Amino acid sequence: MPGGLTFDPARVQRAAGALADAATALAAHESDTAARPDAGRSTDELAGALGHLRETTATAVQALQAAADGLRASATTYAQADAGVEQLFRTVQP
């Protein structure tokens, strides 16, 4: 492959941290839509829209956290495999 392929587990861990931070920040706003609004004749419609926003936000939080978990697992697996290969080469080098 021209230019080669590189994988930096520390960089991937930082990306995972950024996604997890975004999930936490988004989740912190969940309570912002928890109260039933007093919007006169539009209260039911607005409450429904806010309920949908809560559900969508919860789904986004779960997706961000799942992506962060996946990146962390990938970085850990790569680092472990790399260390294992390094150890294997040490045992076969003269």
Protein backbone atom coordinates (compact mmCIF):
# COMPACT_ATOMS: atom_id res chain seq x y z
CA MET A 1 0.00 0.00 0.00
CA PRO A 2 1.57 3.33 -1.02
CA GLY A 3 2.44 5.42 2.00
CA GLY A 4 1.79 2.52 4.34
CA LEU A 5 -0.84 2.05 6.96
CA THR A 6 -0.36 3.29 10.48
CA PHE A 7 -2.43 2.76 13.58
CA ASP A 8 -1.82 4.82 16.68
CA PRO A 9 -3.65 3.28 19.66
CA ALA A 10 -3.16 6.44 21.75
CA ARG A 11 -4.77 8.56 19.06
CA VAL A 12 -7.67 6.12 18.79
CA GLN A 13 -8.08 6.22 22.59
CA ARG A 14 -8.22 10.04 22.43
CA ALA A 15 -10.89 9.84 19.73
CA ALA A 16 -12.85 7.43 21.91
CA GLY A 17 -12.57 9.89 24.79
CA ALA A 18 -13.89 12.70 22.60
CA LEU A 19 -16.90 10.60 21.59
CA ALA A 20 -17.57 9.61 25.20
CA ASP A 21 -17.32 13.27 26.25
CA ALA A 22 -19.82 14.22 23.54
CA ALA A 23 -22.19 11.50 24.78
CA THR A 24 -21.90 12.76 28.34
CA ALA A 25 -22.48 16.37 27.31
CA LEU A 26 -25.52 15.43 25.24
CA ALA A 27 -26.93 13.25 28.02
CA ALA A 28 -26.59 16.16 30.45
CA HIS A 29 -29.27 18.01 28.47
CA GLU A 30 -31.81 15.19 28.67
CA SER A 31 -33.50 16.75 31.67
CA ASP A 32 -33.93 20.01 29.71
CA THR A 33 -36.88 18.41 27.91
CA ALA A 34 -38.30 16.40 30.82
CA ALA A 35 -40.91 18.88 32.07
CA ARG A 36 -44.27 19.05 30.37
CA PRO A 37 -44.48 22.51 28.87
CA ASP A 38 -47.36 24.86 29.43
CA ALA A 39 -48.03 25.97 25.88
CA GLY A 40 -51.76 26.49 26.06
CA ARG A 41 -53.63 24.67 23.32
CA SER A 42 -50.31 23.42 21.85
CA THR A 43 -49.16 21.71 25.04
CA ASP A 44 -49.86 18.19 23.78
CA GLU A 45 -48.11 18.76 20.46
CA LEU A 46 -45.09 20.38 22.09
CA ALA A 47 -44.91 17.65 24.73
CA GLY A 48 -44.95 15.06 21.94
CA ALA A 49 -42.16 16.83 20.07
CA LEU A 50 -40.08 17.09 23.24
CA GLY A 51 -40.68 13.40 23.95
CA HIS A 52 -39.45 12.56 20.45
CA LEU A 53 -36.41 14.79 21.01
CA ARG A 54 -35.66 12.93 24.28
CA GLU A 55 -35.88 9.55 22.52
CA THR A 56 -33.70 10.70 19.63
CA THR A 57 -31.16 12.20 22.01
CA ALA A 58 -31.03 8.98 24.03
CA THR A 59 -30.41 7.02 20.83
CA ALA A 60 -27.61 9.41 19.84
CA VAL A 61 -26.03 9.12 23.30
CA GLN A 62 -26.11 5.32 23.06
CA ALA A 63 -24.59 5.41 19.56
CA LEU A 64 -21.80 7.76 20.62
CA GLN A 65 -21.01 5.62 23.65
CA ALA A 66 -21.05 2.43 21.56
CA ALA A 67 -18.66 4.02 19.06
CA ALA A 68 -16.36 5.11 21.90
CA ASP A 69 -16.44 1.60 23.38
CA GLY A 70 -15.66 0.11 19.97
CA LEU A 71 -12.70 2.42 19.44
CA ARG A 72 -11.34 1.63 22.89
CA ALA A 73 -11.67 -2.09 22.25
CA SER A 74 -9.96 -1.76 18.86
CA ALA A 75 -7.07 0.21 20.32
CA THR A 76 -6.63 -2.28 23.14
CA THR A 77 -6.79 -5.28 20.80
CA TYR A 78 -4.29 -3.72 18.42
CA ALA A 79 -1.87 -2.85 21.23
CA GLN A 80 -2.11 -6.37 22.66
CA ALA A 81 -1.58 -7.98 19.25
CA ASP A 82 1.35 -5.69 18.51
CA ALA A 83 2.97 -6.51 21.86
CA GLY A 84 2.41 -10.23 21.22
CA VAL A 85 4.03 -10.07 17.80
CA GLU A 86 6.94 -8.09 19.21
CA GLN A 87 7.43 -10.71 21.90
CA LEU A 88 7.25 -13.50 19.31
CA PHE A 89 9.93 -11.83 17.19
CA ARG A 90 12.16 -11.47 20.24
CA THR A 91 12.00 -15.22 20.79
CA VAL A 92 12.98 -16.10 17.19
CA GLN A 93 15.72 -13.51 16.61
CA PRO A 94 19.29 -14.85 16.96
